[in-house]
C-alpha atoms as a PDB file:
ATOM      1  CA  MET A   1    -123.321  80.116 119.053  1.00  0.00           C
ATOM      2  CA  TYR A   2    -126.051  77.871 117.668  1.00  0.00           C
ATOM      3  CA  ALA A   3    -129.801  78.003 118.438  1.00  0.00           C
ATOM      4  CA  PRO A   4    -132.706  75.585 119.082  1.00  0.00           C
ATOM      5  CA  LEU A   5    -134.291  74.737 115.719  1.00  0.00           C
ATOM      6  CA  LEU A   6    -136.862  72.049 116.388  1.00  0.00           C
ATOM      7  CA  GLU A   7    -138.156  69.762 119.096  1.00  0.00           C
ATOM      8  CA  GLU A   8    -139.607  66.270 119.038  1.00  0.00           C
ATOM      9  CA  ASP A   9    -142.179  64.658 121.306  1.00  0.00           C
ATOM     10  CA  ARG A  10    -143.036  61.014 121.838  1.00  0.00           C
ATOM     11  CA  ASN A  11    -146.718  60.269 122.448  1.00  0.00           C
ATOM     12  CA  GLY A  12    -147.272  63.946 123.233  1.00  0.00           C
ATOM     13  CA  TYR A  13    -144.481  64.173 125.817  1.00  0.00           C
ATOM     14  CA  PHE A  14    -141.266  66.137 125.216  1.00  0.00           C
ATOM     15  CA  ASP A  15    -138.368  63.983 123.983  1.00  0.00           C
ATOM     16  CA  LEU A  16    -135.537  66.134 122.582  1.00  0.00           C
ATOM     17  CA  VAL A  17    -134.397  69.394 120.968  1.00  0.00           C
ATOM     18  CA  HIS A  18    -132.193  69.731 117.882  1.00  0.00           C
ATOM     19  CA  TYR A  19    -129.851  72.734 117.859  1.00  0.00           C
ATOM     20  CA  GLY A  20    -128.106  74.280 114.899  1.00  0.00           C
ATOM     21  CA  TYR A  21    -127.922  77.103 112.389  1.00  0.00           C
ATOM     22  CA  ILE A  22    -130.143  78.473 109.635  1.00  0.00           C
ATOM     23  CA  CYS A  23    -129.119  81.273 107.287  1.00  0.00           C
ATOM     24  CA  VAL A  24    -130.957  82.932 104.395  1.00  0.00           C
ATOM     25  CA  VAL A  25    -129.171  85.359 102.064  1.00  0.00           C
ATOM     26  CA  ASP A  26    -130.396  87.508  99.172  1.00  0.00           C
ATOM     27  CA  ASP A  27    -128.899  87.714  95.699  1.00  0.00           C
ATOM     28  CA  ARG A  28    -126.249  90.149  96.948  1.00  0.00           C
ATOM     29  CA  GLY A  29    -125.147  87.778  99.697  1.00  0.00           C
ATOM     30  CA  ARG A  30    -126.699  89.855 102.482  1.00  0.00           C
ATOM     31  CA  VAL A  31    -128.052  87.928 105.465  1.00  0.00           C
ATOM     32  CA  LEU A  32    -131.831  88.402 105.526  1.00  0.00           C
ATOM     33  CA  TRP A  33    -132.625  86.024 108.375  1.00  0.00           C
ATOM     34  CA  SER A  34    -130.640  83.675 110.565  1.00  0.00           C
ATOM     35  CA  LEU A  35    -130.635  81.534 113.673  1.00  0.00           C
ATOM     36  CA  GLY A  36    -127.288  80.917 115.304  1.00  0.00           C
ATOM     37  CA  ASP A  37    -124.250  82.987 114.378  1.00  0.00           C
ATOM     38  CA  PRO A  38    -123.993  83.179 110.555  1.00  0.00           C
ATOM     39  CA  GLU A  39    -120.247  83.838 110.919  1.00  0.00           C
ATOM     40  CA  ASP A  40    -119.594  80.464 112.599  1.00  0.00           C
ATOM     41  CA  MET A  41    -117.478  78.095 110.503  1.00  0.00           C
ATOM     42  CA  VAL A  42    -119.170  74.927 109.238  1.00  0.00           C
ATOM     43  CA  PHE A  43    -117.733  72.121 107.129  1.00  0.00           C
ATOM     44  CA  TYR A  44    -119.537  71.792 103.816  1.00  0.00           C
ATOM     45  CA  ARG A  45    -118.991  68.048 103.720  1.00  0.00           C
ATOM     46  CA  SER A  46    -120.707  66.740 100.548  1.00  0.00           C
ATOM     47  CA  ALA A  47    -122.837  69.875 100.165  1.00  0.00           C
ATOM     48  CA  SER A  48    -119.828  71.301  98.303  1.00  0.00           C
ATOM     49  CA  LYS A  49    -119.923  68.696  95.528  1.00  0.00           C
ATOM     50  CA  PRO A  50    -121.837  70.764  92.923  1.00  0.00           C
ATOM     51  CA  ILE A  51    -119.202  73.480  93.492  1.00  0.00           C
ATOM     52  CA  GLN A  52    -116.172  71.188  93.487  1.00  0.00           C
ATOM     53  CA  ALA A  53    -117.270  69.742  90.133  1.00  0.00           C
ATOM     54  CA  LEU A  54    -117.303  73.146  88.393  1.00  0.00           C
ATOM     55  CA  PRO A  55    -113.676  73.012  87.142  1.00  0.00           C
ATOM     56  CA  VAL A  56    -114.604  69.899  85.139  1.00  0.00           C
ATOM     57  CA  PHE A  57    -117.099  71.915  83.110  1.00  0.00           C
ATOM     58  CA  ALA A  58    -114.992  75.086  83.024  1.00  0.00           C
ATOM     59  CA  MET A  59    -112.108  73.071  81.544  1.00  0.00           C
ATOM     60  CA  GLY A  60    -114.350  71.137  79.137  1.00  0.00           C
ATOM     61  CA  LEU A  61    -113.332  67.779  80.612  1.00  0.00           C
ATOM     62  CA  ASP A  62    -116.835  66.345  80.316  1.00  0.00           C
ATOM     63  CA  LYS A  63    -116.534  66.846  76.571  1.00  0.00           C
ATOM     64  CA  LYS A  64    -112.925  65.649  76.450  1.00  0.00           C
ATOM     65  CA  TYR A  65    -113.934  62.325  77.964  1.00  0.00           C
ATOM     66  CA  GLY A  66    -117.225  62.108  76.078  1.00  0.00           C
ATOM     67  CA  LEU A  67    -119.518  62.040  79.112  1.00  0.00           C
ATOM     68  CA  THR A  68    -123.237  62.228  78.588  1.00  0.00           C
ATOM     69  CA  GLU A  69    -125.128  64.903  80.506  1.00  0.00           C
ATOM     70  CA  GLU A  70    -126.668  62.208  82.704  1.00  0.00           C
ATOM     71  CA  GLN A  71    -123.288  60.647  83.508  1.00  0.00           C
ATOM     72  CA  SER A  72    -121.813  64.040  84.374  1.00  0.00           C
ATOM     73  CA  VAL A  73    -124.291  64.571  87.239  1.00  0.00           C
ATOM     74  CA  ILE A  74    -122.544  61.762  89.154  1.00  0.00           C
ATOM     75  CA  LEU A  75    -119.580  64.165  89.571  1.00  0.00           C
ATOM     76  CA  SER A  76    -121.723  66.218  92.002  1.00  0.00           C
ATOM     77  CA  ALA A  77    -123.467  63.260  93.622  1.00  0.00           C
ATOM     78  CA  SER A  78    -123.644  61.430  96.929  1.00  0.00           C
ATOM     79  CA  HIS A  79    -125.091  58.413  95.201  1.00  0.00           C
ATOM     80  CA  LEU A  80    -126.552  55.226  96.675  1.00  0.00           C
ATOM     81  CA  GLY A  81    -124.742  52.729  94.467  1.00  0.00           C
ATOM     82  CA  MET A  82    -127.793  51.984  92.347  1.00  0.00           C
ATOM     83  CA  PRO A  83    -127.111  50.429  88.920  1.00  0.00           C
ATOM     84  CA  CYS A  84    -127.404  53.785  87.102  1.00  0.00           C
ATOM     85  CA  HIS A  85    -124.865  55.319  89.483  1.00  0.00           C
ATOM     86  CA  VAL A  86    -122.376  52.460  89.314  1.00  0.00           C
ATOM     87  CA  SER A  87    -122.483  52.271  85.523  1.00  0.00           C
ATOM     88  CA  ALA A  88    -121.773  56.017  85.267  1.00  0.00           C
ATOM     89  CA  VAL A  89    -118.708  55.774  87.529  1.00  0.00           C
ATOM     90  CA  GLU A  90    -117.473  52.669  85.724  1.00  0.00           C
ATOM     91  CA  GLU A  91    -117.838  54.377  82.345  1.00  0.00           C
ATOM     92  CA  ILE A  92    -115.967  57.493  83.466  1.00  0.00           C
ATOM     93  CA  LEU A  93    -113.060  55.404  84.772  1.00  0.00           C
ATOM     94  CA  ARG A  94    -113.073  53.397  81.529  1.00  0.00           C
ATOM     95  CA  ARG A  95    -112.913  56.546  79.420  1.00  0.00           C
ATOM     96  CA  MET A  96    -110.042  57.822  81.559  1.00  0.00           C
ATOM     97  CA  GLU A  97    -108.326  54.425  81.193  1.00  0.00           C
ATOM     98  CA  LEU A  98    -107.957  54.194  84.973  1.00  0.00           C
ATOM     99  CA  PRO A  99    -108.535  51.136  87.182  1.00  0.00           C
ATOM    100  CA  GLU A 100    -111.086  51.175  89.996  1.00  0.00           C
ATOM    101  CA  SER A 101    -108.189  50.561  92.388  1.00  0.00           C
ATOM    102  CA  ILE A 102    -106.953  54.140  91.920  1.00  0.00           C
ATOM    103  CA  LEU A 103    -109.873  55.399  94.021  1.00  0.00           C
ATOM    104  CA  CYS A 104    -108.478  56.116  97.486  1.00  0.00           C
ATOM    105  CA  MET A 105    -111.404  54.884  99.616  1.00  0.00           C
ATOM    106  CA  ARG A 106    -111.879  51.331 100.853  1.00  0.00           C
ATOM    107  CA  PRO A 107    -114.343  49.012  99.097  1.00  0.00           C
ATOM    108  CA  THR A 108    -117.867  49.249 100.482  1.00  0.00           C
ATOM    109  CA  ALA A 109    -121.443  48.128  99.839  1.00  0.00           C
ATOM    110  CA  PRO A 110    -124.104  50.075  97.929  1.00  0.00           C
ATOM    111  CA  GLY A 111    -126.123  52.438 100.111  1.00  0.00           C
ATOM    112  CA  ASP A 112    -129.334  51.404  98.398  1.00  0.00           C
ATOM    113  CA  ALA A 113    -130.837  48.377 100.166  1.00  0.00           C
ATOM    114  CA  ALA A 114    -132.169  46.767  96.991  1.00  0.00           C
ATOM    115  CA  ALA A 115    -128.846  47.195  95.176  1.00  0.00           C
ATOM    116  CA  ASN A 116    -126.959  45.701  98.103  1.00  0.00           C
ATOM    117  CA  GLU A 117    -129.354  42.744  98.350  1.00  0.00           C
ATOM    118  CA  ALA A 118    -128.829  42.080  94.642  1.00  0.00           C
ATOM    119  CA  ARG A 119    -125.055  42.199  95.195  1.00  0.00           C
ATOM    120  CA  ILE A 120    -125.297  39.702  98.065  1.00  0.00           C
ATOM    121  CA  ARG A 121    -127.558  37.330  96.124  1.00  0.00           C
ATOM    122  CA  ALA A 122    -125.111  37.415  93.212  1.00  0.00           C
ATOM    123  CA  GLY A 123    -122.174  36.733  95.536  1.00  0.00           C
ATOM    124  CA  LEU A 124    -120.369  39.907  94.433  1.00  0.00           C
ATOM    125  CA  PRO A 125    -117.652  41.565  96.546  1.00  0.00           C
ATOM    126  CA  LEU A 126    -117.557  45.031  98.059  1.00  0.00           C
ATOM    127  CA  ARG A 127    -116.304  47.628  95.588  1.00  0.00           C
ATOM    128  CA  LYS A 128    -114.940  51.160  95.599  1.00  0.00           C
ATOM    129  CA  VAL A 129    -117.369  52.309  92.892  1.00  0.00           C
ATOM    130  CA  TYR A 130    -120.243  51.667  95.294  1.00  0.00           C
ATOM    131  CA  HIS A 131    -118.971  54.423  97.584  1.00  0.00           C
ATOM    132  CA  ASN A 132    -121.308  57.429  97.616  1.00  0.00           C
ATOM    133  CA  CYS A 133    -118.394  59.790  96.843  1.00  0.00           C
ATOM    134  CA  SER A 134    -116.915  57.834  93.923  1.00  0.00           C
ATOM    135  CA  GLY A 135    -118.370  60.277  91.377  1.00  0.00           C
ATOM    136  CA  LYS A 136    -116.669  63.217  93.089  1.00  0.00           C
ATOM    137  CA  HIS A 137    -113.400  61.263  93.057  1.00  0.00           C
ATOM    138  CA  CYS A 138    -113.750  60.830  89.290  1.00  0.00           C
ATOM    139  CA  ALA A 139    -114.057  64.604  88.957  1.00  0.00           C
ATOM    140  CA  LEU A 140    -110.930  65.099  91.050  1.00  0.00           C
ATOM    141  CA  LEU A 141    -109.023  62.562  88.966  1.00  0.00           C
ATOM    142  CA  MET A 142    -109.954  64.348  85.736  1.00  0.00           C
ATOM    143  CA  ILE A 143    -108.890  67.739  87.085  1.00  0.00           C
ATOM    144  CA  GLN A 144    -105.637  66.442  88.578  1.00  0.00           C
ATOM    145  CA  ARG A 145    -104.634  64.800  85.302  1.00  0.00           C
ATOM    146  CA  GLU A 146    -105.506  67.907  83.267  1.00  0.00           C
ATOM    147  CA  LEU A 147    -103.394  70.096  85.560  1.00  0.00           C
ATOM    148  CA  GLY A 148    -100.404  67.787  85.191  1.00  0.00           C
ATOM    149  CA  GLY A 149    -100.369  66.292  88.672  1.00  0.00           C
ATOM    150  CA  PRO A 150     -99.800  62.572  89.288  1.00  0.00           C
ATOM    151  CA  VAL A 151    -103.249  60.986  89.164  1.00  0.00           C
ATOM    152  CA  GLU A 152    -102.415  58.606  92.014  1.00  0.00           C
ATOM    153  CA  ASP A 153    -101.932  61.641  94.294  1.00  0.00           C
ATOM    154  CA  TYR A 154    -105.339  63.161  93.499  1.00  0.00           C
ATOM    155  CA  TRP A 155    -106.553  62.712  97.105  1.00  0.00           C
ATOM    156  CA  LYS A 156    -103.698  64.628  98.735  1.00  0.00           C
ATOM    157  CA  THR A 157    -104.182  68.156 100.057  1.00  0.00           C
ATOM    158  CA  ASP A 158    -101.222  69.965  98.492  1.00  0.00           C
ATOM    159  CA  THR A 159    -101.898  69.032  94.878  1.00  0.00           C
ATOM    160  CA  PRO A 160    -102.907  71.014  91.781  1.00  0.00           C
ATOM    161  CA  VAL A 161    -106.476  69.681  91.895  1.00  0.00           C
ATOM    162  CA  HIS A 162    -107.149  70.714  95.478  1.00  0.00           C
ATOM    163  CA  ARG A 163    -105.510  74.099  95.093  1.00  0.00           C
ATOM    164  CA  LEU A 164    -107.943  74.729  92.219  1.00  0.00           C
ATOM    165  CA  VAL A 165    -110.908  73.267  94.109  1.00  0.00           C
ATOM    166  CA  GLU A 166    -110.152  75.499  97.096  1.00  0.00           C
ATOM    167  CA  ARG A 167    -109.985  78.572  94.845  1.00  0.00           C
ATOM    168  CA  THR A 168    -113.356  77.526  93.390  1.00  0.00           C
ATOM    169  CA  ILE A 169    -114.863  77.129  96.868  1.00  0.00           C
ATOM    170  CA  ARG A 170    -113.586  80.597  97.812  1.00  0.00           C
ATOM    171  CA  ALA A 171    -114.974  82.185  94.634  1.00  0.00           C
ATOM    172  CA  VAL A 172    -118.437  80.627  94.694  1.00  0.00           C
ATOM    173  CA  SER A 173    -118.787  81.003  98.474  1.00  0.00           C
ATOM    174  CA  GLU A 174    -117.514  84.597  98.250  1.00  0.00           C
ATOM    175  CA  THR A 175    -115.136  84.272 101.188  1.00  0.00           C
ATOM    176  CA  GLU A 176    -111.450  84.041 102.007  1.00  0.00           C
ATOM    177  CA  ARG A 177    -112.234  82.373 105.349  1.00  0.00           C
ATOM    178  CA  VAL A 178    -111.662  78.700 104.505  1.00  0.00           C
ATOM    179  CA  HIS A 179    -110.435  75.929 106.783  1.00  0.00           C
ATOM    180  CA  VAL A 180    -109.312  72.654 105.209  1.00  0.00           C
ATOM    181  CA  GLY A 181    -109.883  69.260 106.831  1.00  0.00           C
ATOM    182  CA  VAL A 182    -110.180  65.666 105.631  1.00  0.00           C
ATOM    183  CA  ASP A 183    -113.565  64.263 104.597  1.00  0.00           C
ATOM    184  CA  GLY A 184    -114.923  60.803 105.344  1.00  0.00           C
ATOM    185  CA  CYS A 185    -113.929  59.584 101.882  1.00  0.00           C
ATOM    186  CA  GLY A 186    -110.282  60.626 102.332  1.00  0.00           C
ATOM    187  CA  VAL A 187    -110.026  63.853 100.318  1.00  0.00           C
ATOM    188  CA  PRO A 188    -109.891  67.470 101.532  1.00  0.00           C
ATOM    189  CA  VAL A 189    -113.087  69.062 102.857  1.00  0.00           C
ATOM    190  CA  PHE A 190    -113.722  72.759 103.389  1.00  0.00           C
ATOM    191  CA  ALA A 191    -115.261  74.798 106.202  1.00  0.00           C
ATOM    192  CA  VAL A 192    -116.561  78.333 105.592  1.00  0.00           C
ATOM    193  CA  PRO A 193    -118.844  80.652 107.565  1.00  0.00           C
ATOM    194  CA  MET A 194    -122.440  79.481 107.628  1.00  0.00           C
ATOM    195  CA  LYS A 195    -123.609  82.508 105.646  1.00  0.00           C
ATOM    196  CA  ASN A 196    -121.186  81.646 102.856  1.00  0.00           C
ATOM    197  CA  ILE A 197    -122.664  78.181 102.349  1.00  0.00           C
ATOM    198  CA  ALA A 198    -125.984  79.969 101.833  1.00  0.00           C
ATOM    199  CA  THR A 199    -124.196  82.411  99.506  1.00  0.00           C
ATOM    200  CA  ALA A 200    -122.770  79.572  97.427  1.00  0.00           C
ATOM    201  CA  PHE A 201    -126.223  78.096  96.865  1.00  0.00           C
ATOM    202  CA  LYS A 202    -127.520  81.571  96.044  1.00  0.00           C
ATOM    203  CA  ASN A 203    -124.849  81.695  93.352  1.00  0.00           C
ATOM    204  CA  LEU A 204    -125.832  78.285  91.980  1.00  0.00           C
ATOM    205  CA  ALA A 205    -129.470  79.438  91.813  1.00  0.00           C
ATOM    206  CA  CYS A 206    -128.686  82.946  90.523  1.00  0.00           C
ATOM    207  CA  ILE A 207    -125.965  82.178  88.011  1.00  0.00           C
ATOM    208  CA  ASP A 208    -125.597  85.830  86.988  1.00  0.00           C
ATOM    209  CA  THR A 209    -124.231  86.706  90.452  1.00  0.00           C
ATOM    210  CA  ILE A 210    -121.080  84.583  89.972  1.00  0.00           C
ATOM    211  CA  ALA A 211    -118.297  87.053  89.183  1.00  0.00           C
ATOM    212  CA  ASP A 212    -115.993  84.686  87.268  1.00  0.00           C
ATOM    213  CA  GLY A 213    -117.255  84.152  83.720  1.00  0.00           C
ATOM    214  CA  ALA A 214    -115.883  80.640  83.335  1.00  0.00           C
ATOM    215  CA  LEU A 215    -117.375  79.524  86.655  1.00  0.00           C
ATOM    216  CA  GLN A 216    -120.658  81.197  85.752  1.00  0.00           C
ATOM    217  CA  ALA A 217    -120.902  79.185  82.522  1.00  0.00           C
ATOM    218  CA  ALA A 218    -119.823  75.994  84.314  1.00  0.00           C
ATOM    219  CA  ALA A 219    -122.419  76.478  87.063  1.00  0.00           C
ATOM    220  CA  ALA A 220    -125.165  77.125  84.527  1.00  0.00           C
ATOM    221  CA  GLU A 221    -124.352  73.848  82.797  1.00  0.00           C
ATOM    222  CA  ASN A 222    -124.008  71.780  85.970  1.00  0.00           C
ATOM    223  CA  VAL A 223    -127.211  73.099  87.561  1.00  0.00           C
ATOM    224  CA  ARG A 224    -129.136  72.506  84.331  1.00  0.00           C
ATOM    225  CA  ARG A 225    -127.973  68.900  84.168  1.00  0.00           C
ATOM    226  CA  ILE A 226    -128.750  68.207  87.836  1.00  0.00           C
ATOM    227  CA  GLY A 227    -132.276  69.476  87.209  1.00  0.00           C
ATOM    228  CA  LEU A 228    -132.666  67.173  84.202  1.00  0.00           C
ATOM    229  CA  TYR A 229    -131.304  64.062  85.955  1.00  0.00           C
ATOM    230  CA  PRO A 230    -131.967  64.475  89.700  1.00  0.00           C
ATOM    231  CA  HIS A 231    -131.973  60.695  90.245  1.00  0.00           C
ATOM    232  CA  MET A 232    -128.211  60.759  89.649  1.00  0.00           C
ATOM    233  CA  ILE A 233    -127.483  63.174  92.512  1.00  0.00           C
ATOM    234  CA  ARG A 234    -128.621  60.762  95.222  1.00  0.00           C
ATOM    235  CA  GLY A 235    -131.445  58.262  94.707  1.00  0.00           C
ATOM    236  CA  ALA A 236    -134.864  58.086  96.369  1.00  0.00           C
ATOM    237  CA  LEU A 237    -133.886  60.521  99.145  1.00  0.00           C
ATOM    238  CA  LEU A 238    -134.017  64.264  99.850  1.00  0.00           C
ATOM    239  CA  CYS A 239    -131.429  65.632  97.400  1.00  0.00           C
ATOM    240  CA  THR A 240    -133.092  63.912  94.469  1.00  0.00           C
ATOM    241  CA  GLU A 241    -136.571  65.043  95.546  1.00  0.00           C
ATOM    242  CA  MET A 242    -135.441  68.646  96.147  1.00  0.00           C
ATOM    243  CA  ASN A 243    -133.816  68.861  92.718  1.00  0.00           C
ATOM    244  CA  ARG A 244    -136.976  67.596  91.026  1.00  0.00           C
ATOM    245  CA  ASP A 245    -138.372  71.084  91.657  1.00  0.00           C
ATOM    246  CA  PRO A 246    -137.139  73.272  88.762  1.00  0.00           C
ATOM    247  CA  ASN A 247    -136.940  76.241  91.134  1.00  0.00           C
ATOM    248  CA  ILE A 248    -134.411  74.543  93.427  1.00  0.00           C
ATOM    249  CA  ILE A 249    -130.764  73.528  93.369  1.00  0.00           C
ATOM    250  CA  ALA A 250    -129.889  71.578  96.523  1.00  0.00           C
ATOM    251  CA  LYS A 251    -127.245  69.351  98.069  1.00  0.00           C
ATOM    252  CA  GLY A 252    -126.677  67.938 101.529  1.00  0.00           C
ATOM    253  CA  GLY A 253    -123.586  66.754 103.339  1.00  0.00           C
ATOM    254  CA  ALA A 254    -122.738  64.429 106.188  1.00  0.00           C
ATOM    255  CA  ASN A 255    -123.455  65.332 109.801  1.00  0.00           C
ATOM    256  CA  GLY A 256    -126.487  67.500 109.262  1.00  0.00           C
ATOM    257  CA  VAL A 257    -125.451  70.251 106.802  1.00  0.00           C
ATOM    258  CA  TYR A 258    -127.727  71.220 103.897  1.00  0.00           C
ATOM    259  CA  GLY A 259    -127.845  73.985 101.307  1.00  0.00           C
ATOM    260  CA  PHE A 260    -130.309  75.012  98.639  1.00  0.00           C
ATOM    261  CA  GLY A 261    -130.867  77.923  96.292  1.00  0.00           C
ATOM    262  CA  LEU A 262    -134.173  79.312  95.030  1.00  0.00           C
ATOM    263  CA  LYS A 263    -134.084  80.595  91.457  1.00  0.00           C
ATOM    264  CA  LYS A 264    -137.335  82.586  91.350  1.00  0.00           C
ATOM    265  CA  GLN A 265    -136.920  84.099  94.807  1.00  0.00           C
ATOM    266  CA  ARG A 266    -133.176  84.650  94.213  1.00  0.00           C
ATOM    267  CA  LEU A 267    -132.242  83.379  97.651  1.00  0.00           C
ATOM    268  CA  GLY A 268    -129.653  81.072  99.176  1.00  0.00           C
ATOM    269  CA  VAL A 269    -130.411  78.951 102.237  1.00  0.00           C
ATOM    270  CA  ALA A 270    -128.228  76.778 104.455  1.00  0.00           C
ATOM    271  CA  PHE A 271    -128.885  74.908 107.665  1.00  0.00           C
ATOM    272  CA  LYS A 272    -126.879  72.695 109.969  1.00  0.00           C
ATOM    273  CA  LEU A 273    -128.034  70.439 112.788  1.00  0.00           C
ATOM    274  CA  VAL A 274    -125.064  70.350 115.147  1.00  0.00           C
ATOM    275  CA  ASP A 275    -125.876  66.844 116.424  1.00  0.00           C
ATOM    276  CA  GLY A 276    -125.480  65.581 112.875  1.00  0.00           C
ATOM    277  CA  THR A 277    -129.123  64.548 112.501  1.00  0.00           C
ATOM    278  CA  GLU A 278    -130.273  64.019 108.917  1.00  0.00           C
ATOM    279  CA  SER A 279    -133.683  62.430 109.533  1.00  0.00           C
ATOM    280  CA  ALA A 280    -135.152  65.893 110.231  1.00  0.00           C
ATOM    281  CA  TRP A 281    -133.920  67.360 106.919  1.00  0.00           C
ATOM    282  CA  PRO A 282    -137.227  66.946 105.029  1.00  0.00           C
ATOM    283  CA  PHE A 283    -139.107  68.630 107.873  1.00  0.00           C
ATOM    284  CA  LEU A 284    -136.706  71.585 108.010  1.00  0.00           C
ATOM    285  CA  ALA A 285    -136.694  71.912 104.225  1.00  0.00           C
ATOM    286  CA  ARG A 286    -140.504  71.964 104.181  1.00  0.00           C
ATOM    287  CA  GLU A 287    -140.715  74.599 106.939  1.00  0.00           C
ATOM    288  CA  LEU A 288    -138.123  76.831 105.282  1.00  0.00           C
ATOM    289  CA  LEU A 289    -139.645  76.559 101.818  1.00  0.00           C
ATOM    290  CA  LYS A 290    -143.068  77.316 103.279  1.00  0.00           C
ATOM    291  CA  GLY A 291    -141.745  80.386 105.111  1.00  0.00           C
ATOM    292  CA  LEU A 292    -140.051  81.635 101.951  1.00  0.00           C
ATOM    293  CA  GLY A 293    -143.179  81.206  99.813  1.00  0.00           C
ATOM    294  CA  ALA A 294    -141.465  78.582  97.669  1.00  0.00           C
ATOM    295  CA  LEU A 295    -143.329  75.390  98.622  1.00  0.00           C
ATOM    296  CA  THR A 296    -145.556  74.071  95.837  1.00  0.00           C
ATOM    297  CA  ASP A 297    -148.237  71.484  96.522  1.00  0.00           C
ATOM    298  CA  GLU A 298    -146.344  68.977  94.383  1.00  0.00           C
ATOM    299  CA  HIS A 299    -143.099  69.526  96.264  1.00  0.00           C
ATOM    300  CA  ARG A 300    -144.852  69.392  99.634  1.00  0.00           C
ATOM    301  CA  ALA A 301    -146.174  65.947  98.700  1.00  0.00           C
ATOM    302  CA  ARG A 302    -142.678  64.775  97.707  1.00  0.00           C
ATOM    303  CA  LEU A 303    -141.200  65.905 101.008  1.00  0.00           C
ATOM    304  CA  GLU A 304    -143.976  64.400 103.079  1.00  0.00           C
ATOM    305  CA  ARG A 305    -143.447  61.039 101.416  1.00  0.00           C
ATOM    306  CA  LEU A 306    -139.932  61.165 102.893  1.00  0.00           C
ATOM    307  CA  GLY A 307    -141.303  61.855 106.356  1.00  0.00           C
ATOM    308  CA  THR A 308    -141.551  65.358 107.777  1.00  0.00           C
ATOM    309  CA  GLU A 309    -143.761  66.202 110.733  1.00  0.00           C
ATOM    310  CA  TYR A 310    -144.528  62.763 112.141  1.00  0.00           C
ATOM    311  CA  ILE A 311    -141.996  60.349 113.619  1.00  0.00           C
ATOM    312  CA  THR A 312    -142.365  56.621 113.032  1.00  0.00           C
ATOM    313  CA  ASN A 313    -140.720  53.658 114.722  1.00  0.00           C
ATOM    314  CA  ASP A 314    -139.122  50.614 113.112  1.00  0.00           C
ATOM    315  CA  ASN A 315    -142.553  49.056 112.601  1.00  0.00           C
ATOM    316  CA  GLY A 316    -143.869  52.055 110.685  1.00  0.00           C
ATOM    317  CA  ASP A 317    -146.111  53.204 113.538  1.00  0.00           C
ATOM    318  CA  THR A 318    -146.464  56.934 114.255  1.00  0.00           C
ATOM    319  CA  VAL A 319    -144.968  57.522 117.717  1.00  0.00           C
ATOM    320  CA  GLY A 320    -144.147  61.233 117.816  1.00  0.00           C
ATOM    321  CA  ARG A 321    -144.136  64.598 116.173  1.00  0.00           C
ATOM    322  CA  ARG A 322    -141.691  67.358 115.240  1.00  0.00           C
ATOM    323  CA  ARG A 323    -142.313  71.052 115.786  1.00  0.00           C
ATOM    324  CA  ALA A 324    -140.308  74.001 114.504  1.00  0.00           C
ATOM    325  CA  LEU A 325    -139.033  76.385 117.167  1.00  0.00           C
ATOM    326  CA  PHE A 326    -138.873  79.286 114.726  1.00  0.00           C
ATOM    327  CA  THR A 327    -141.132  81.258 112.426  1.00  0.00           C
ATOM    328  CA  LEU A 328    -139.525  82.370 109.177  1.00  0.00           C
ATOM    329  CA  SER A 329    -141.082  85.384 107.530  1.00  0.00           C
ATOM    330  CA  LEU A 330    -139.187  87.787 105.264  1.00  0.00           C
END
């Protein structure tokens, strides 16, 4: 039930087509434009992180543990293990008086090449805090403890924290159609209809459309902080560059899923490349923002620095080009 979204050539000759979904909703959650079936279920993967973190703010746990606004953004992040990211995770665990070993994932290397090279030169081991989801795990630990569940069980599906997180996903996504799986980092992950991922990002952009007052206040605070400290949400990649635009709240997830909300236009947008491709994200984001009248010259330049229309090889040479197979006009 998906559709062709874009094609790539190599030296002017057809190479491949990427298929997937795109959905745009208005501030009432109505589908304005879509490719592929907007009712098809799609796993949020890490695109749900700014939603999953909302109970932390609704319960005042950021204040309870004395987190700075900058540190709190790591709770919604898929970070690259840069020094600023690692220090935030370490400080949160310290304030909770929990060891790094409580994190359920295996030790790994930083995703940022420079940070990993520094680790290797210093002869330092792999660590759990380097994992791109370690900030989200800190949020889950805080919530689980506050709800009275054993902190060491925070990663399990049938626990107080994940029952609350699932209710939050349902509320912000405005759907009761939720399927629960297991994410790459070992904790539950949620699938909802494609249109409801777009709806969730509409709600993050248009805070007044969130029905629950506590979640509305929590979302307002989280979105504000992400906008102030976008480097904490990812690093020098798309999520950070998207959130540098004060009109946008955005977050991507593994295997090609991406969501963003537009505050001025009061729209929610989600797309998914079913082959899991992420290299085409900046191109798709640029084309969608352009079609929605939300692409500033400054933001266009940021996206094009990440690589949009032209395809380069390992040597940095331009070898091909992408082309959208759709025209978005509302």
